[in-house]
N, C-alpha and C. Protein backbone atom coordinates (compact mmCIF):
# COMPACT_ATOMS: atom_id res chain seq x y z
N MET A 1 118.16 83.76 -52.53
CA MET A 1 119.49 83.55 -53.03
C MET A 1 119.44 82.89 -54.41
N GLU A 2 118.57 81.91 -54.57
CA GLU A 2 118.51 81.19 -55.84
C GLU A 2 118.09 82.08 -57.00
N ASP A 3 117.32 83.15 -56.72
CA ASP A 3 116.92 84.04 -57.81
C ASP A 3 118.11 84.85 -58.31
N GLN A 4 119.05 85.17 -57.43
CA GLN A 4 120.26 85.90 -57.84
C GLN A 4 121.26 84.98 -58.53
N TYR A 5 121.26 83.70 -58.15
CA TYR A 5 122.21 82.72 -58.66
C TYR A 5 121.44 81.50 -59.18
N PRO A 6 120.83 81.60 -60.36
CA PRO A 6 119.98 80.51 -60.85
C PRO A 6 120.75 79.23 -61.20
N ILE A 7 122.05 79.34 -61.44
CA ILE A 7 122.89 78.15 -61.65
C ILE A 7 123.51 77.87 -60.29
N ASN A 8 123.01 76.83 -59.59
CA ASN A 8 123.48 76.64 -58.22
C ASN A 8 123.48 75.19 -57.80
N ARG A 9 124.13 74.97 -56.67
CA ARG A 9 124.21 73.65 -56.06
C ARG A 9 124.17 73.86 -54.55
N GLN A 10 123.42 73.00 -53.86
CA GLN A 10 123.35 73.07 -52.40
C GLN A 10 123.95 71.79 -51.82
N LEU A 11 124.96 71.98 -50.98
CA LEU A 11 125.72 70.88 -50.40
C LEU A 11 125.78 71.05 -48.89
N LEU A 12 126.58 70.21 -48.25
CA LEU A 12 126.85 70.31 -46.82
C LEU A 12 128.36 70.42 -46.62
N LEU A 13 128.76 71.26 -45.69
CA LEU A 13 130.18 71.46 -45.38
C LEU A 13 130.40 71.11 -43.91
N ARG A 14 131.39 70.26 -43.64
CA ARG A 14 131.69 69.88 -42.26
C ARG A 14 132.49 71.00 -41.59
N ASP A 15 131.99 71.45 -40.45
CA ASP A 15 132.69 72.43 -39.62
C ASP A 15 133.88 71.72 -38.98
N ARG A 16 135.07 72.21 -39.20
CA ARG A 16 136.28 71.53 -38.71
C ARG A 16 136.39 71.54 -37.19
N GLU A 17 135.77 72.51 -36.55
CA GLU A 17 135.85 72.59 -35.09
C GLU A 17 134.83 71.68 -34.41
N THR A 18 133.61 71.68 -34.92
CA THR A 18 132.53 70.95 -34.25
C THR A 18 132.16 69.63 -34.92
N GLY A 19 132.55 69.47 -36.19
CA GLY A 19 132.16 68.28 -36.95
C GLY A 19 130.75 68.36 -37.49
N GLU A 20 130.04 69.43 -37.16
CA GLU A 20 128.66 69.64 -37.61
C GLU A 20 128.62 69.88 -39.12
N LEU A 21 127.60 69.32 -39.78
CA LEU A 21 127.40 69.58 -41.21
C LEU A 21 126.53 70.81 -41.37
N LYS A 22 127.03 71.80 -42.10
CA LYS A 22 126.32 73.06 -42.31
C LYS A 22 125.95 73.20 -43.78
N PRO A 23 124.81 73.86 -44.06
CA PRO A 23 124.43 74.06 -45.46
C PRO A 23 125.46 74.92 -46.20
N LEU A 24 125.72 74.52 -47.43
CA LEU A 24 126.64 75.27 -48.29
C LEU A 24 125.93 75.56 -49.60
N PHE A 25 125.91 76.81 -50.00
CA PHE A 25 125.29 77.24 -51.26
C PHE A 25 126.39 77.73 -52.18
N ALA A 26 126.42 77.20 -53.40
CA ALA A 26 127.35 77.67 -54.42
C ALA A 26 126.53 78.09 -55.63
N GLY A 27 126.73 79.31 -56.11
CA GLY A 27 125.90 79.77 -57.21
C GLY A 27 126.62 80.65 -58.21
N VAL A 28 126.06 80.64 -59.42
CA VAL A 28 126.54 81.46 -60.53
C VAL A 28 125.35 82.23 -61.08
N GLY A 29 125.51 83.53 -61.24
CA GLY A 29 124.47 84.36 -61.85
C GLY A 29 124.50 84.25 -63.37
N LEU A 30 123.44 84.69 -63.99
CA LEU A 30 123.39 84.69 -65.45
C LEU A 30 124.36 85.71 -66.02
N PRO A 31 124.98 85.41 -67.16
CA PRO A 31 125.93 86.36 -67.75
C PRO A 31 125.20 87.60 -68.26
N PHE A 32 125.89 88.73 -68.19
CA PHE A 32 125.34 89.96 -68.76
C PHE A 32 126.46 90.78 -69.39
N ALA A 33 126.09 91.58 -70.38
CA ALA A 33 127.07 92.40 -71.11
C ALA A 33 127.45 93.61 -70.27
N LEU A 34 128.71 93.97 -70.35
CA LEU A 34 129.18 95.20 -69.70
C LEU A 34 128.82 96.39 -70.58
N ASP A 35 129.04 97.58 -70.08
CA ASP A 35 128.66 98.79 -70.81
C ASP A 35 129.27 98.88 -72.20
N ASP A 36 130.48 98.34 -72.37
CA ASP A 36 131.12 98.43 -73.68
C ASP A 36 130.49 97.48 -74.69
N GLY A 37 129.66 96.55 -74.22
CA GLY A 37 128.99 95.61 -75.11
C GLY A 37 129.89 94.53 -75.69
N ARG A 38 131.17 94.59 -75.37
CA ARG A 38 132.11 93.61 -75.92
C ARG A 38 132.46 92.52 -74.91
N ASP A 39 132.38 92.84 -73.63
CA ASP A 39 132.74 91.88 -72.59
C ASP A 39 131.51 91.53 -71.75
N PHE A 40 131.58 90.37 -71.12
CA PHE A 40 130.48 89.87 -70.30
C PHE A 40 131.01 89.49 -68.93
N CYS A 41 130.10 89.35 -67.97
CA CYS A 41 130.51 88.86 -66.66
C CYS A 41 129.37 88.10 -66.00
N CYS A 42 129.76 87.28 -65.02
CA CYS A 42 128.82 86.52 -64.19
C CYS A 42 129.22 86.75 -62.73
N LYS A 43 128.23 86.84 -61.88
CA LYS A 43 128.48 86.95 -60.45
C LYS A 43 128.52 85.54 -59.86
N VAL A 44 129.49 85.26 -59.00
CA VAL A 44 129.61 83.95 -58.35
C VAL A 44 129.65 84.14 -56.84
N TYR A 45 129.25 83.09 -56.11
CA TYR A 45 129.20 83.15 -54.65
C TYR A 45 129.21 81.74 -54.09
N ILE A 46 129.96 81.53 -52.98
CA ILE A 46 129.87 80.31 -52.20
C ILE A 46 129.75 80.73 -50.75
N SER A 47 128.74 80.21 -50.07
CA SER A 47 128.49 80.58 -48.68
C SER A 47 129.57 80.04 -47.75
N GLN A 48 129.35 80.25 -46.46
CA GLN A 48 130.25 79.80 -45.39
C GLN A 48 131.63 80.46 -45.48
N GLY A 49 131.67 81.66 -46.08
CA GLY A 49 132.91 82.41 -46.14
C GLY A 49 133.94 81.91 -47.15
N ILE A 50 133.52 80.98 -48.02
CA ILE A 50 134.47 80.43 -49.00
C ILE A 50 134.73 81.41 -50.13
N LEU A 51 133.68 82.05 -50.64
CA LEU A 51 133.85 83.04 -51.72
C LEU A 51 132.76 84.09 -51.61
N LYS A 52 133.16 85.32 -51.31
CA LYS A 52 132.18 86.41 -51.27
C LYS A 52 131.71 86.69 -52.69
N PRO A 53 130.58 87.39 -52.88
CA PRO A 53 130.13 87.68 -54.24
C PRO A 53 131.24 88.36 -55.05
N THR A 54 131.54 87.74 -56.19
CA THR A 54 132.65 88.16 -57.04
C THR A 54 132.22 88.12 -58.50
N MET A 55 132.71 89.05 -59.29
CA MET A 55 132.41 89.06 -60.72
C MET A 55 133.52 88.33 -61.48
N ILE A 56 133.11 87.47 -62.41
CA ILE A 56 134.04 86.75 -63.29
C ILE A 56 133.78 87.23 -64.71
N TYR A 57 134.83 87.62 -65.41
CA TYR A 57 134.70 88.26 -66.73
C TYR A 57 135.12 87.33 -67.86
N GLY A 58 134.50 87.54 -69.02
CA GLY A 58 134.85 86.80 -70.21
C GLY A 58 134.62 87.64 -71.45
N ILE A 59 135.13 87.16 -72.57
CA ILE A 59 134.99 87.89 -73.83
C ILE A 59 133.58 87.80 -74.41
N ASP A 60 132.84 86.75 -73.99
CA ASP A 60 131.44 86.61 -74.39
C ASP A 60 130.71 85.89 -73.26
N ALA A 61 129.41 85.72 -73.42
CA ALA A 61 128.59 85.12 -72.36
C ALA A 61 129.02 83.69 -72.05
N LEU A 62 129.38 82.93 -73.08
CA LEU A 62 129.79 81.55 -72.87
C LEU A 62 131.08 81.46 -72.06
N GLN A 63 132.06 82.29 -72.41
CA GLN A 63 133.32 82.25 -71.68
C GLN A 63 133.13 82.72 -70.23
N ALA A 64 132.36 83.76 -70.02
CA ALA A 64 132.13 84.24 -68.65
C ALA A 64 131.46 83.15 -67.81
N THR A 65 130.47 82.46 -68.37
CA THR A 65 129.79 81.39 -67.65
C THR A 65 130.73 80.22 -67.38
N SER A 66 131.51 79.84 -68.38
CA SER A 66 132.45 78.74 -68.24
C SER A 66 133.50 79.04 -67.16
N LEU A 67 134.04 80.24 -67.17
CA LEU A 67 135.04 80.61 -66.17
C LEU A 67 134.43 80.68 -64.77
N ALA A 68 133.20 81.15 -64.69
CA ALA A 68 132.51 81.23 -63.40
C ALA A 68 132.29 79.83 -62.82
N ILE A 69 131.80 78.91 -63.64
CA ILE A 69 131.57 77.55 -63.18
C ILE A 69 132.91 76.89 -62.82
N GLY A 70 133.95 77.15 -63.59
CA GLY A 70 135.26 76.60 -63.29
C GLY A 70 135.80 77.11 -61.95
N THR A 71 135.55 78.38 -61.65
CA THR A 71 135.99 78.95 -60.37
C THR A 71 135.28 78.25 -59.22
N ILE A 72 133.97 78.09 -59.32
CA ILE A 72 133.20 77.39 -58.29
C ILE A 72 133.73 75.96 -58.14
N ASP A 73 133.94 75.29 -59.25
CA ASP A 73 134.38 73.89 -59.22
C ASP A 73 135.72 73.75 -58.51
N LYS A 74 136.67 74.62 -58.81
CA LYS A 74 138.00 74.54 -58.17
C LYS A 74 137.91 74.75 -56.67
N LEU A 75 137.10 75.69 -56.23
CA LEU A 75 136.97 75.95 -54.80
C LEU A 75 136.24 74.81 -54.09
N LEU A 76 135.23 74.22 -54.73
CA LEU A 76 134.55 73.07 -54.14
C LEU A 76 135.48 71.86 -54.11
N GLN A 77 136.31 71.71 -55.11
CA GLN A 77 137.27 70.60 -55.16
C GLN A 77 138.22 70.66 -53.98
N ARG A 78 138.64 71.85 -53.60
CA ARG A 78 139.54 72.02 -52.47
C ARG A 78 138.88 71.51 -51.18
N ALA A 79 137.59 71.84 -50.98
CA ALA A 79 136.86 71.35 -49.81
C ALA A 79 136.67 69.84 -49.89
N GLN A 80 136.43 69.34 -51.09
CA GLN A 80 136.25 67.89 -51.27
C GLN A 80 137.55 67.16 -50.95
N ASP A 81 138.68 67.68 -51.39
CA ASP A 81 139.97 67.05 -51.14
C ASP A 81 140.26 66.94 -49.64
N ASN A 82 139.73 67.86 -48.85
CA ASN A 82 139.90 67.84 -47.41
C ASN A 82 138.88 66.92 -46.73
N GLY A 83 137.97 66.33 -47.50
CA GLY A 83 136.95 65.45 -46.95
C GLY A 83 135.85 66.17 -46.21
N ASP A 84 135.69 67.45 -46.50
CA ASP A 84 134.73 68.26 -45.75
C ASP A 84 133.44 68.56 -46.51
N LEU A 85 133.25 68.01 -47.69
CA LEU A 85 132.11 68.36 -48.52
C LEU A 85 131.22 67.15 -48.76
N PHE A 86 129.91 67.36 -48.65
CA PHE A 86 128.93 66.28 -48.77
C PHE A 86 127.72 66.74 -49.58
N TRP A 87 127.08 65.77 -50.26
CA TRP A 87 125.79 66.03 -50.90
C TRP A 87 124.76 66.27 -49.79
N SER A 88 123.64 66.85 -50.11
CA SER A 88 122.61 67.12 -49.09
C SER A 88 122.09 65.82 -48.45
N SER A 89 122.30 64.67 -49.08
CA SER A 89 121.90 63.38 -48.52
C SER A 89 122.87 62.90 -47.43
N GLY A 90 124.04 63.57 -47.33
CA GLY A 90 125.05 63.16 -46.37
C GLY A 90 126.16 62.31 -46.98
N GLU A 91 125.97 61.90 -48.24
CA GLU A 91 127.00 61.11 -48.94
C GLU A 91 128.18 62.03 -49.29
N PRO A 92 129.42 61.49 -49.25
CA PRO A 92 130.58 62.31 -49.64
C PRO A 92 130.42 62.86 -51.06
N TYR A 93 130.89 64.05 -51.27
CA TYR A 93 130.78 64.74 -52.57
C TYR A 93 131.72 64.13 -53.57
């Protein structure tokens, strides 16, 4: 997984039914140019059914990467606000 998403973070997500902490992988792929050569995109993914592999587009590599990281951040923030997200050490995110 890390080879597909070299920009990544590994966390723990609390299962709301069991209270068990499960591994959570959030990753962003490297930006690449589309066929037109004018636009770029990055693939993003968060495990545990939070975000299936999705392409994020930008006008250049920097914008595509920035938007991809922002998308991951917003979705992780939602889990954090619910108190369900933890660092791999078990400390709250």
